[in-house]
Structure formats: structure tokens, C-alpha cells
C-alpha atoms as a PDB file:
ATOM      1  CA  UNK A   1      95.501  80.740  84.379  1.00  0.00           C
ATOM      2  CA  UNK A   2      92.908  82.567  84.013  1.00  0.00           C
ATOM      3  CA  UNK A   3      92.502  85.275  80.888  1.00  0.00           C
ATOM      4  CA  UNK A   4      89.952  87.783  80.206  1.00  0.00           C
ATOM      5  CA  UNK A   5      88.053  86.081  77.306  1.00  0.00           C
ATOM      6  CA  UNK A   6      89.183  87.528  73.905  1.00  0.00           C
ATOM      7  CA  UNK A   7      85.337  89.592  73.009  1.00  0.00           C
ATOM      8  CA  UNK A   8      86.859  91.249  69.933  1.00  0.00           C
ATOM      9  CA  UNK A   9      86.350  88.104  67.450  1.00  0.00           C
ATOM     10  CA  UNK A  10      85.200  84.773  69.110  1.00  0.00           C
ATOM     11  CA  UNK A  11      81.860  84.839  67.401  1.00  0.00           C
ATOM     12  CA  UNK A  12      83.072  82.240  63.761  1.00  0.00           C
ATOM     13  CA  UNK A  13      82.933  84.819  61.373  1.00  0.00           C
ATOM     14  CA  UNK A  14      83.070  82.640  59.014  1.00  0.00           C
ATOM     15  CA  UNK A  15      80.699  80.336  60.090  1.00  0.00           C
ATOM     16  CA  UNK A  16      77.555  81.880  59.306  1.00  0.00           C
ATOM     17  CA  UNK A  17      75.402  82.604  56.068  1.00  0.00           C
ATOM     18  CA  UNK A  18      74.380  86.304  55.063  1.00  0.00           C
ATOM     19  CA  UNK A  19      71.651  88.120  54.680  1.00  0.00           C
ATOM     20  CA  UNK A  20      72.400  90.888  52.707  1.00  0.00           C
ATOM     21  CA  UNK A  21      71.482  92.631  50.000  1.00  0.00           C
ATOM     22  CA  UNK A  22      75.277  91.849  47.795  1.00  0.00           C
ATOM     23  CA  UNK A  23      74.971  90.642  44.495  1.00  0.00           C
ATOM     24  CA  UNK A  24      75.780  87.149  44.097  1.00  0.00           C
ATOM     25  CA  UNK A  25      78.518  86.138  40.987  1.00  0.00           C
ATOM     26  CA  UNK A  26      75.686  84.736  39.197  1.00  0.00           C
ATOM     27  CA  UNK A  27      73.565  88.098  38.854  1.00  0.00           C
ATOM     28  CA  UNK A  28      74.122  90.501  36.373  1.00  0.00           C
ATOM     29  CA  UNK A  29      76.260  93.547  36.873  1.00  0.00           C
ATOM     30  CA  UNK A  30      74.647  97.049  35.076  1.00  0.00           C
ATOM     31  CA  UNK A  31      76.089  99.513  36.840  1.00  0.00           C
ATOM     32  CA  UNK A  32      79.901 101.252  35.972  1.00  0.00           C
ATOM     33  CA  UNK A  33      82.853  98.794  35.483  1.00  0.00           C
ATOM     34  CA  UNK A  34      83.431  96.475  38.415  1.00  0.00           C
ATOM     35  CA  UNK A  35      87.064  95.458  40.052  1.00  0.00           C
ATOM     36  CA  UNK A  36      87.437  92.592  41.323  1.00  0.00           C
ATOM     37  CA  UNK A  37      88.223  92.808  45.174  1.00  0.00           C
ATOM     38  CA  UNK A  38      91.793  92.415  46.527  1.00  0.00           C
ATOM     39  CA  UNK A  39      91.503  90.150  49.570  1.00  0.00           C
ATOM     40  CA  UNK A  40      94.848  90.875  51.176  1.00  0.00           C
ATOM     41  CA  UNK A  41      94.772  94.122  50.876  1.00  0.00           C
ATOM     42  CA  UNK A  42      91.013  94.300  52.347  1.00  0.00           C
ATOM     43  CA  UNK A  43      92.537  92.306  55.646  1.00  0.00           C
ATOM     44  CA  UNK A  44      96.030  94.695  55.649  1.00  0.00           C
ATOM     45  CA  UNK A  45      93.553  97.880  56.072  1.00  0.00           C
ATOM     46  CA  UNK A  46      91.484  96.351  58.027  1.00  0.00           C
ATOM     47  CA  UNK A  47      93.990  95.164  60.576  1.00  0.00           C
ATOM     48  CA  UNK A  48      95.801  99.000  60.406  1.00  0.00           C
ATOM     49  CA  UNK A  49      92.262 100.344  61.673  1.00  0.00           C
ATOM     50  CA  UNK A  50      91.295  97.654  64.685  1.00  0.00           C
ATOM     51  CA  UNK A  51      93.880  95.972  64.960  1.00  0.00           C
ATOM     52  CA  UNK A  52      95.021  92.217  64.733  1.00  0.00           C
ATOM     53  CA  UNK A  53      92.857  91.869  68.012  1.00  0.00           C
ATOM     54  CA  UNK A  54      90.055  93.113  65.555  1.00  0.00           C
ATOM     55  CA  UNK A  55      86.142  94.161  66.491  1.00  0.00           C
ATOM     56  CA  UNK A  56      82.705  92.390  66.863  1.00  0.00           C
ATOM     57  CA  UNK A  57      81.121  91.013  64.061  1.00  0.00           C
ATOM     58  CA  UNK A  58      78.204  93.502  63.684  1.00  0.00           C
ATOM     59  CA  UNK A  59      81.298  96.426  63.047  1.00  0.00           C
ATOM     60  CA  UNK A  60      82.985  94.343  60.222  1.00  0.00           C
ATOM     61  CA  UNK A  61      80.067  93.843  58.030  1.00  0.00           C
ATOM     62  CA  UNK A  62      79.846  97.566  58.827  1.00  0.00           C
ATOM     63  CA  UNK A  63      83.267  98.173  57.765  1.00  0.00           C
ATOM     64  CA  UNK A  64      83.250  95.473  55.379  1.00  0.00           C
ATOM     65  CA  UNK A  65      80.046  96.550  52.679  1.00  0.00           C
ATOM     66  CA  UNK A  66      81.175 100.443  53.896  1.00  0.00           C
ATOM     67  CA  UNK A  67      84.443 100.030  51.551  1.00  0.00           C
ATOM     68  CA  UNK A  68      83.061  97.037  49.414  1.00  0.00           C
ATOM     69  CA  UNK A  69      78.794  97.709  48.978  1.00  0.00           C
ATOM     70  CA  UNK A  70      78.784  95.846  45.451  1.00  0.00           C
ATOM     71  CA  UNK A  71      80.879  92.550  47.301  1.00  0.00           C
ATOM     72  CA  UNK A  72      79.390  89.256  46.019  1.00  0.00           C
ATOM     73  CA  UNK A  73      79.042  87.059  48.670  1.00  0.00           C
ATOM     74  CA  UNK A  74      81.972  84.786  48.116  1.00  0.00           C
ATOM     75  CA  UNK A  75      83.856  87.458  48.277  1.00  0.00           C
ATOM     76  CA  UNK A  76      82.872  88.160  51.711  1.00  0.00           C
ATOM     77  CA  UNK A  77      83.529  84.585  52.893  1.00  0.00           C
ATOM     78  CA  UNK A  78      86.736  84.920  51.680  1.00  0.00           C
ATOM     79  CA  UNK A  79      87.733  88.506  53.344  1.00  0.00           C
ATOM     80  CA  UNK A  80      85.870  86.276  56.584  1.00  0.00           C
ATOM     81  CA  UNK A  81      87.924  83.171  56.177  1.00  0.00           C
ATOM     82  CA  UNK A  82      91.222  85.345  55.822  1.00  0.00           C
ATOM     83  CA  UNK A  83      90.752  87.598  58.772  1.00  0.00           C
ATOM     84  CA  UNK A  84      90.412  83.848  60.654  1.00  0.00           C
ATOM     85  CA  UNK A  85      93.711  82.839  59.682  1.00  0.00           C
ATOM     86  CA  UNK A  86      95.255  85.844  60.960  1.00  0.00           C
ATOM     87  CA  UNK A  87      93.369  87.162  63.684  1.00  0.00           C
ATOM     88  CA  UNK A  88      94.883  87.151  67.369  1.00  0.00           C
ATOM     89  CA  UNK A  89      93.155  85.770  70.172  1.00  0.00           C
ATOM     90  CA  UNK A  90      94.731  86.904  73.540  1.00  0.00           C
ATOM     91  CA  UNK A  91      94.529  84.073  76.109  1.00  0.00           C
ATOM     92  CA  UNK A  92      96.678  82.228  73.074  1.00  0.00           C
ATOM     93  CA  UNK A  93      99.148  85.024  73.077  1.00  0.00           C
ATOM     94  CA  UNK A  94      99.332  85.213  76.806  1.00  0.00           C
ATOM     95  CA  UNK A  95      99.963  81.148  76.874  1.00  0.00           C
ATOM     96  CA  UNK A  96     102.821  81.780  74.043  1.00  0.00           C
ATOM     97  CA  UNK A  97     104.753  84.911  76.064  1.00  0.00           C
ATOM     98  CA  UNK A  98     104.326  82.778  79.357  1.00  0.00           C
ATOM     99  CA  UNK A  99     105.254  79.478  77.983  1.00  0.00           C
ATOM    100  CA  UNK A 100     108.203  77.823  80.165  1.00  0.00           C
ATOM    101  CA  UNK A 101     109.893  76.342  77.378  1.00  0.00           C
ATOM    102  CA  UNK A 102     108.946  78.345  74.140  1.00  0.00           C
ATOM    103  CA  UNK A 103     108.187  81.906  75.748  1.00  0.00           C
ATOM    104  CA  UNK A 104     109.638  83.649  78.630  1.00  0.00           C
ATOM    105  CA  UNK A 105     107.908  81.387  81.869  1.00  0.00           C
ATOM    106  CA  UNK A 106     105.507  82.934  84.319  1.00  0.00           C
ATOM    107  CA  UNK A 107     106.947  86.193  85.064  1.00  0.00           C
ATOM    108  CA  UNK A 108     107.492  87.048  81.820  1.00  0.00           C
ATOM    109  CA  UNK A 109     111.015  89.333  80.245  1.00  0.00           C
ATOM    110  CA  UNK A 110     111.572  92.722  79.741  1.00  0.00           C
ATOM    111  CA  UNK A 111     109.875  95.623  77.650  1.00  0.00           C
ATOM    112  CA  UNK A 112     111.646  95.692  75.115  1.00  0.00           C
ATOM    113  CA  UNK A 113     112.197  91.764  74.649  1.00  0.00           C
ATOM    114  CA  UNK A 114     108.293  91.260  74.640  1.00  0.00           C
ATOM    115  CA  UNK A 115     108.618  93.902  72.193  1.00  0.00           C
ATOM    116  CA  UNK A 116     110.238  92.925  70.213  1.00  0.00           C
ATOM    117  CA  UNK A 117     108.661  89.234  70.550  1.00  0.00           C
ATOM    118  CA  UNK A 118     105.170  90.302  70.151  1.00  0.00           C
ATOM    119  CA  UNK A 119     105.631  92.019  66.801  1.00  0.00           C
ATOM    120  CA  UNK A 120     107.646  88.631  65.343  1.00  0.00           C
ATOM    121  CA  UNK A 121     105.131  86.332  65.983  1.00  0.00           C
ATOM    122  CA  UNK A 122     102.046  88.189  65.682  1.00  0.00           C
ATOM    123  CA  UNK A 123     101.167  89.288  61.685  1.00  0.00           C
ATOM    124  CA  UNK A 124      99.662  92.797  61.156  1.00  0.00           C
ATOM    125  CA  UNK A 125     100.415  94.139  65.124  1.00  0.00           C
ATOM    126  CA  UNK A 126      99.964  97.252  65.638  1.00  0.00           C
ATOM    127  CA  UNK A 127     101.255  99.185  68.402  1.00  0.00           C
ATOM    128  CA  UNK A 128      97.440  99.915  70.362  1.00  0.00           C
ATOM    129  CA  UNK A 129      97.656  95.453  70.388  1.00  0.00           C
ATOM    130  CA  UNK A 130     101.045  95.964  71.806  1.00  0.00           C
ATOM    131  CA  UNK A 131      99.507  98.005  74.283  1.00  0.00           C
ATOM    132  CA  UNK A 132      96.768  95.410  75.523  1.00  0.00           C
ATOM    133  CA  UNK A 133      98.952  92.210  75.369  1.00  0.00           C
ATOM    134  CA  UNK A 134     101.353  94.022  77.722  1.00  0.00           C
ATOM    135  CA  UNK A 135      98.323  95.481  79.950  1.00  0.00           C
ATOM    136  CA  UNK A 136      97.484  91.791  80.096  1.00  0.00           C
ATOM    137  CA  UNK A 137     100.307  90.526  80.767  1.00  0.00           C
ATOM    138  CA  UNK A 138     100.989  92.458  83.423  1.00  0.00           C
ATOM    139  CA  UNK A 139      97.761  91.565  84.917  1.00  0.00           C
ATOM    140  CA  UNK A 140      98.237  88.093  84.953  1.00  0.00           C
ATOM    141  CA  UNK A 141     101.936  88.677  87.029  1.00  0.00           C
ATOM    142  CA  UNK A 142     100.163  89.624  89.034  1.00  0.00           C
ATOM    143  CA  UNK A 143      97.561  86.861  89.853  1.00  0.00           C
ATOM    144  CA  UNK A 144     100.485  84.783  89.456  1.00  0.00           C
ATOM    145  CA  UNK A 145     102.388  86.692  92.437  1.00  0.00           C
ATOM    146  CA  UNK A 146      98.968  86.190  94.411  1.00  0.00           C
ATOM    147  CA  UNK A 147      98.820  82.490  93.488  1.00  0.00           C
ATOM    148  CA  UNK A 148     102.380  81.780  94.628  1.00  0.00           C
ATOM    149  CA  UNK A 149     101.906  83.840  97.666  1.00  0.00           C
ATOM    150  CA  UNK A 150      98.802  81.268  98.768  1.00  0.00           C
ATOM    151  CA  UNK A 151     101.149  78.916  98.386  1.00  0.00           C
ATOM    152  CA  UNK A 152     103.618  79.755 100.476  1.00  0.00           C
ATOM    153  CA  UNK A 153     101.473  81.040 103.028  1.00  0.00           C
ATOM    154  CA  UNK A 154      99.125  77.827 102.624  1.00  0.00           C
ATOM    155  CA  UNK A 155     101.498  75.957 104.861  1.00  0.00           C
ATOM    156  CA  UNK A 156     104.905  75.571 107.049  1.00  0.00           C
ATOM    157  CA  UNK A 157     107.269  73.998 105.486  1.00  0.00           C
ATOM    158  CA  UNK A 158     110.061  71.503 107.132  1.00  0.00           C
ATOM    159  CA  UNK A 159     112.983  69.692 105.415  1.00  0.00           C
ATOM    160  CA  UNK A 160     116.611  70.314 104.861  1.00  0.00           C
ATOM    161  CA  UNK A 161     119.010  72.976 104.564  1.00  0.00           C
ATOM    162  CA  UNK A 162     122.625  73.111 103.061  1.00  0.00           C
ATOM    163  CA  UNK A 163     124.225  76.292 104.113  1.00  0.00           C
ATOM    164  CA  UNK A 164     127.527  77.081 101.879  1.00  0.00           C
ATOM    165  CA  UNK A 165     129.488  80.422 103.232  1.00  0.00           C
ATOM    166  CA  UNK A 166     132.896  81.977 102.701  1.00  0.00           C
ATOM    167  CA  UNK A 167     134.624  83.830 105.753  1.00  0.00           C
ATOM    168  CA  UNK A 168     136.530  86.234 102.911  1.00  0.00           C
ATOM    169  CA  UNK A 169     135.506  87.403  98.983  1.00  0.00           C
ATOM    170  CA  UNK A 170     139.526  86.118  98.884  1.00  0.00           C
ATOM    171  CA  UNK A 171     138.526  82.195  99.427  1.00  0.00           C
ATOM    172  CA  UNK A 172     138.254  79.965  96.922  1.00  0.00           C
ATOM    173  CA  UNK A 173     136.451  77.641  98.686  1.00  0.00           C
ATOM    174  CA  UNK A 174     132.808  77.611 100.609  1.00  0.00           C
ATOM    175  CA  UNK A 175     132.074  75.906 103.313  1.00  0.00           C
ATOM    176  CA  UNK A 176     129.029  73.720 104.050  1.00  0.00           C
ATOM    177  CA  UNK A 177     126.714  73.302 106.902  1.00  0.00           C
ATOM    178  CA  UNK A 178     123.802  71.329 106.798  1.00  0.00           C
ATOM    179  CA  UNK A 179     120.855  71.497 109.398  1.00  0.00           C
ATOM    180  CA  UNK A 180     117.013  71.362 109.589  1.00  0.00           C
ATOM    181  CA  UNK A 181     114.832  74.148 108.285  1.00  0.00           C
ATOM    182  CA  UNK A 182     111.397  75.351 109.150  1.00  0.00           C
ATOM    183  CA  UNK A 183     110.286  78.331 107.308  1.00  0.00           C
ATOM    184  CA  UNK A 184     106.556  79.419 108.163  1.00  0.00           C
ATOM    185  CA  UNK A 185     104.977  82.110 106.046  1.00  0.00           C
ATOM    186  CA  UNK A 186     102.128  84.307 107.032  1.00  0.00           C
ATOM    187  CA  UNK A 187      99.783  86.426 104.166  1.00  0.00           C
ATOM    188  CA  UNK A 188      99.395  90.092 105.267  1.00  0.00           C
ATOM    189  CA  UNK A 189      96.198  90.187 103.168  1.00  0.00           C
ATOM    190  CA  UNK A 190      93.905  88.062 101.195  1.00  0.00           C
ATOM    191  CA  UNK A 191      95.379  88.667  97.546  1.00  0.00           C
ATOM    192  CA  UNK A 192      98.210  90.382  98.973  1.00  0.00           C
ATOM    193  CA  UNK A 193     101.733  89.042  98.322  1.00  0.00           C
ATOM    194  CA  UNK A 194     104.196  89.892 101.165  1.00  0.00           C
ATOM    195  CA  UNK A 195     103.744  89.417 105.015  1.00  0.00           C
ATOM    196  CA  UNK A 196     105.997  88.531 107.973  1.00  0.00           C
ATOM    197  CA  UNK A 197     106.989  85.031 108.328  1.00  0.00           C
ATOM    198  CA  UNK A 198     109.322  82.885 111.151  1.00  0.00           C
ATOM    199  CA  UNK A 199     112.834  80.534 110.449  1.00  0.00           C
ATOM    200  CA  UNK A 200     114.022  78.353 112.743  1.00  0.00           C
ATOM    201  CA  UNK A 201     117.317  76.281 111.988  1.00  0.00           C
ATOM    202  CA  UNK A 202     117.629  73.031 114.154  1.00  0.00           C
ATOM    203  CA  UNK A 203     120.577  69.815 114.319  1.00  0.00           C
ATOM    204  CA  UNK A 204     123.069  72.270 112.585  1.00  0.00           C
ATOM    205  CA  UNK A 205     126.705  69.816 111.391  1.00  0.00           C
ATOM    206  CA  UNK A 206     128.877  72.251 112.825  1.00  0.00           C
ATOM    207  CA  UNK A 207     127.566  71.809 116.405  1.00  0.00           C
ATOM    208  CA  UNK A 208     126.426  75.611 116.456  1.00  0.00           C
ATOM    209  CA  UNK A 209     123.248  76.524 118.425  1.00  0.00           C
ATOM    210  CA  UNK A 210     120.033  76.138 117.030  1.00  0.00           C
ATOM    211  CA  UNK A 211     118.686  80.013 115.592  1.00  0.00           C
ATOM    212  CA  UNK A 212     114.988  81.361 115.600  1.00  0.00           C
ATOM    213  CA  UNK A 213     114.477  84.542 113.176  1.00  0.00           C
ATOM    214  CA  UNK A 214     111.637  86.910 112.140  1.00  0.00           C
ATOM    215  CA  UNK A 215     111.536  88.245 108.869  1.00  0.00           C
ATOM    216  CA  UNK A 216     109.281  90.293 106.510  1.00  0.00           C
ATOM    217  CA  UNK A 217     108.800  88.944 102.816  1.00  0.00           C
ATOM    218  CA  UNK A 218     107.705  89.923  99.559  1.00  0.00           C
ATOM    219  CA  UNK A 219     107.585  88.440  96.380  1.00  0.00           C
ATOM    220  CA  UNK A 220     108.218  91.165  93.268  1.00  0.00           C
ATOM    221  CA  UNK A 221     107.163  91.605  89.776  1.00  0.00           C
ATOM    222  CA  UNK A 222     110.027  89.261  88.947  1.00  0.00           C
ATOM    223  CA  UNK A 223     108.801  86.142  90.975  1.00  0.00           C
ATOM    224  CA  UNK A 224     111.998  86.548  92.946  1.00  0.00           C
ATOM    225  CA  UNK A 225     111.116  86.079  96.936  1.00  0.00           C
ATOM    226  CA  UNK A 226     112.777  88.450  98.698  1.00  0.00           C
ATOM    227  CA  UNK A 227     113.469  87.304 102.764  1.00  0.00           C
ATOM    228  CA  UNK A 228     113.901  90.478 105.213  1.00  0.00           C
ATOM    229  CA  UNK A 229     115.525  89.458 108.370  1.00  0.00           C
ATOM    230  CA  UNK A 230     114.845  91.208 111.433  1.00  0.00           C
ATOM    231  CA  UNK A 231     117.732  91.886 113.568  1.00  0.00           C
ATOM    232  CA  UNK A 232     117.681  91.274 117.012  1.00  0.00           C
ATOM    233  CA  UNK A 233     118.441  94.297 118.821  1.00  0.00           C
ATOM    234  CA  UNK A 234     117.341  96.766 116.285  1.00  0.00           C
ATOM    235  CA  UNK A 235     114.391  95.505 114.773  1.00  0.00           C
ATOM    236  CA  UNK A 236     112.524  94.842 110.719  1.00  0.00           C
ATOM    237  CA  UNK A 237     114.704  95.848 108.496  1.00  0.00           C
ATOM    238  CA  UNK A 238     117.720  95.941 110.532  1.00  0.00           C
ATOM    239  CA  UNK A 239     118.994  92.721 108.848  1.00  0.00           C
ATOM    240  CA  UNK A 240     120.172  90.252 106.212  1.00  0.00           C
ATOM    241  CA  UNK A 241     118.720  90.315 103.345  1.00  0.00           C
ATOM    242  CA  UNK A 242     118.399  87.197 101.482  1.00  0.00           C
ATOM    243  CA  UNK A 243     116.442  86.417  97.998  1.00  0.00           C
ATOM    244  CA  UNK A 244     115.274  82.694  96.622  1.00  0.00           C
ATOM    245  CA  UNK A 245     115.255  84.359  92.965  1.00  0.00           C
ATOM    246  CA  UNK A 246     112.833  83.145  90.701  1.00  0.00           C
ATOM    247  CA  UNK A 247     115.569  81.398  88.354  1.00  0.00           C
ATOM    248  CA  UNK A 248     116.445  79.326  91.119  1.00  0.00           C
ATOM    249  CA  UNK A 249     113.174  78.711  92.618  1.00  0.00           C
ATOM    250  CA  UNK A 250     113.586  74.703  91.238  1.00  0.00           C
ATOM    251  CA  UNK A 251     109.973  73.813  92.481  1.00  0.00           C
ATOM    252  CA  UNK A 252     106.986  75.398  94.626  1.00  0.00           C
ATOM    253  CA  UNK A 253     103.732  73.779  94.417  1.00  0.00           C
ATOM    254  CA  UNK A 254     101.000  72.956  97.467  1.00  0.00           C
ATOM    255  CA  UNK A 255     103.077  69.832  98.779  1.00  0.00           C
ATOM    256  CA  UNK A 256     106.668  70.840  98.178  1.00  0.00           C
ATOM    257  CA  UNK A 257     109.214  73.786  98.014  1.00  0.00           C
ATOM    258  CA  UNK A 258     113.290  73.484  97.047  1.00  0.00           C
ATOM    259  CA  UNK A 259     115.775  75.796  95.521  1.00  0.00           C
ATOM    260  CA  UNK A 260     118.034  78.139  96.236  1.00  0.00           C
ATOM    261  CA  UNK A 261     118.532  81.346  99.111  1.00  0.00           C
ATOM    262  CA  UNK A 262     121.053  83.853  98.365  1.00  0.00           C
ATOM    263  CA  UNK A 263     122.225  86.599 100.445  1.00  0.00           C
ATOM    264  CA  UNK A 264     122.191  90.164  98.992  1.00  0.00           C
ATOM    265  CA  UNK A 265     123.896  91.403 101.699  1.00  0.00           C
ATOM    266  CA  UNK A 266     126.852  93.478 100.780  1.00  0.00           C
ATOM    267  CA  UNK A 267     129.668  91.334 103.277  1.00  0.00           C
ATOM    268  CA  UNK A 268     127.659  88.517 103.388  1.00  0.00           C
ATOM    269  CA  UNK A 269     128.672  85.178 101.533  1.00  0.00           C
ATOM    270  CA  UNK A 270     126.206  83.048 101.236  1.00  0.00           C
ATOM    271  CA  UNK A 271     123.881  80.881  99.617  1.00  0.00           C
ATOM    272  CA  UNK A 272     121.635  78.022 101.052  1.00  0.00           C
ATOM    273  CA  UNK A 273     120.053  74.625  99.383  1.00  0.00           C
ATOM    274  CA  UNK A 274     116.970  73.858 100.690  1.00  0.00           C
ATOM    275  CA  UNK A 275     114.194  71.250 100.229  1.00  0.00           C
ATOM    276  CA  UNK A 276     111.056  71.563 102.073  1.00  0.00           C
ATOM    277  CA  UNK A 277     107.938  69.688 102.441  1.00  0.00           C
ATOM    278  CA  UNK A 278     104.622  71.597 103.777  1.00  0.00           C
ATOM    279  CA  UNK A 279     104.416  69.550 107.766  1.00  0.00           C
ATOM    280  CA  UNK A 280     101.639  68.716 109.360  1.00  0.00           C
ATOM    281  CA  UNK A 281     101.075  72.056 111.121  1.00  0.00           C
ATOM    282  CA  UNK A 282      97.463  73.961 111.955  1.00  0.00           C
ATOM    283  CA  UNK A 283      97.154  75.488 108.715  1.00  0.00           C
ATOM    284  CA  UNK A 284      94.778  73.445 106.287  1.00  0.00           C
ATOM    285  CA  UNK A 285      95.716  71.317 103.294  1.00  0.00           C
ATOM    286  CA  UNK A 286      95.395  73.706 100.355  1.00  0.00           C
ATOM    287  CA  UNK A 287      94.420  71.158  98.379  1.00  0.00           C
ATOM    288  CA  UNK A 288      90.923  71.216 100.076  1.00  0.00           C
ATOM    289  CA  UNK A 289      90.918  75.158 100.771  1.00  0.00           C
ATOM    290  CA  UNK A 290      93.521  76.521  98.089  1.00  0.00           C
ATOM    291  CA  UNK A 291      92.708  78.163  95.207  1.00  0.00           C
ATOM    292  CA  UNK A 292      96.032  78.151  94.139  1.00  0.00           C
ATOM    293  CA  UNK A 293      96.361  74.544  94.841  1.00  0.00           C
ATOM    294  CA  UNK A 294      98.050  72.262  91.517  1.00  0.00           C
ATOM    295  CA  UNK A 295      99.816  75.133  90.155  1.00  0.00           C
ATOM    296  CA  UNK A 296     103.560  75.029  90.121  1.00  0.00           C
ATOM    297  CA  UNK A 297     106.092  77.354  90.213  1.00  0.00           C
ATOM    298  CA  UNK A 298     109.558  76.550  88.651  1.00  0.00           C
ATOM    299  CA  UNK A 299     112.321  79.023  86.907  1.00  0.00           C
ATOM    300  CA  UNK A 300     114.292  76.735  85.726  1.00  0.00           C
ATOM    301  CA  UNK A 301     114.549  77.985  82.405  1.00  0.00           C
ATOM    302  CA  UNK A 302     114.454  81.666  83.692  1.00  0.00           C
ATOM    303  CA  UNK A 303     116.611  84.416  82.445  1.00  0.00           C
ATOM    304  CA  UNK A 304     114.608  87.825  84.107  1.00  0.00           C
ATOM    305  CA  UNK A 305     116.190  88.673  87.386  1.00  0.00           C
ATOM    306  CA  UNK A 306     116.416  92.394  90.016  1.00  0.00           C
ATOM    307  CA  UNK A 307     117.425  93.137  93.273  1.00  0.00           C
ATOM    308  CA  UNK A 308     121.461  94.579  92.068  1.00  0.00           C
ATOM    309  CA  UNK A 309     121.768  96.648  94.696  1.00  0.00           C
ATOM    310  CA  UNK A 310     122.593  95.008  98.236  1.00  0.00           C
ATOM    311  CA  UNK A 311     121.592  95.977 101.184  1.00  0.00           C
ATOM    312  CA  UNK A 312     124.052  97.528 104.000  1.00  0.00           C
ATOM    313  CA  UNK A 313     123.811  95.893 107.242  1.00  0.00           C
ATOM    314  CA  UNK A 314     126.027  97.834 109.930  1.00  0.00           C
ATOM    315  CA  UNK A 315     125.320  94.446 112.567  1.00  0.00           C
ATOM    316  CA  UNK A 316     126.577  92.251 110.310  1.00  0.00           C
ATOM    317  CA  UNK A 317     129.270  90.027 113.084  1.00  0.00           C
ATOM    318  CA  UNK A 318     129.277  86.186 111.525  1.00  0.00           C
ATOM    319  CA  UNK A 319     129.894  85.079 108.348  1.00  0.00           C
ATOM    320  CA  UNK A 320     126.759  82.931 108.009  1.00  0.00           C
ATOM    321  CA  UNK A 321     122.955  83.713 109.697  1.00  0.00           C
END
């Protein structure tokens, strides 16, 4: 994912020779007693002022020589080498945070956990560093939402679905019914993460009629895909709500879409396993036109979730959709 370039310390501080009028260690010293610079303390003082992301070279040099006007070149070079060892790069920090194996996945975690992670992994960091990091992380999440929505809306999806439902909460076993599933997501606007859609279920194994339903959909900041079905009689926002929690999204890329869709409707005890592929409908294949081509979304290691409040639907009649 594209990150804002870290303009703060990208100047390879230790690579360039100095042209300052500081004294070399071989020079005679004729002033008041000179004390050797404590490089560790200098680095700590610098980061306490500028934060662990640092600042530009000109300001770094100004700060150092205003505090150590009689510094030797060797001491300056030691200072710069120490900065380069500990300086943070925002791209690297974000990559580690969003890493699916050692970090928190594409949609991160809550602010409290992120704060604890940040200060545990970023030496010399101060509060302003976390604020900067958290803002950039939020920007990345919005970009991920837009990319996911782009993939969803870039294709019509067709494949197999198995509905699992219970008539009452007292039942210990789910009834399973297979069918063919078709999903089509339309994007409300370029860059949006919501829109309208259509679902068609055919060939149901229990012999029940084929169905066609329309819905509104959106992706939240957790990466959950929320599908709010219309009521046939009452219209939009009046039907059941299903959610593909990001942790239940097995795979989404330009060609494949699989996972579990779970009821978020009070009284509807259903979850649906689906495995869909891009259908050859009128929509252009994303690998040629889709800026999200090549991106893979998978929430297998994700713990973050939302939507604890279940939707109440007064017209709910059947044990499954």
C-alpha cells in the first residue's frame, strides 16, 4: 500500500562529509576545559524535542551545533550514526503494524492496543509520534476500504453457497441447504466503500423457490462487509442484515471471493458459507482496469470485530433468508 514518504529523516545523515568550522580531534584546544560529548544523552535530548521520526538535516545540524558548538567532526558523525540506528520510518512502522502475521492485519486494532504496541516497539517515541502514526494508520485503513470496495464492485460473483440455519435457539444442530449464489455489488461513487447490490439464489437443495433480493452494502473501519437486505414490501433498510466479518473473510481478490456470511438480525439464526468466482458478465476484468488488481484481502488472523447490536426486523417470518 502506498504510504506518505517519510520526509523527516530521508537524507542519509551519515553519508555526507561536513563543511563546518568545528575543530578536528587533532586540533589544539586553547579555551576553557572541554568535556567529551555524551552521544547517548545527545540522541535522547534530540528525540525528546523532535520525536523519534526526527526532522530534516538542516534543522538537525543547527540543533547539534547550537548545543555542542565545539564538537569534533568525529563526535558529530557518531551522533548521526546513533540517530540513524534509532530513527523511525513511518512506512516501516505502518508495515509492521499492518503485517498479517506479526502485526494486526489490514485493518489494525483498537487505539489502546495500538498505543501499547507502538511504544513497546519504537524506541525514543513520544506522544506526538503516536499521534502522527495513528493518523497515517487511519488513512491507510480508508485506502484499504476503498480498494476492497473496488474489487467487490469490479465483478459479478457466482459460485456455491451453503445456508446453515436453526428454527429456534434451542436446537443443537444447524440444518444445511446448498444452492448456487450470485452476488453483484455496485459502487455508489468512485472512491466510496458502499453502494447497492443484488443477490440471486437458485437450485436450492431443499426444493424451495429461487430467490432474488436487493440490498445496500458498506465496508466499515474494521473491514466488515455489511449487507442490509431490502424488505420486499417495506423497502430499503427494512429487511434482514448479514455481515461478512473481516475475520471470516477467507479470500478476496480480483478472481475469488470466499468466506462466511453471518446473520446480524435478531431471531434469524443463520450463517452462510460461500465460495464465489468472478463471473464473465459485462463488467471489465479488473486486472486490466482495476487499480486494486493484485491486492488480496484475508482476515484469517484478525481478532478485531464490531456490530454487537443486532438488527430487529418486525417482518421476519422464515428461519432463513
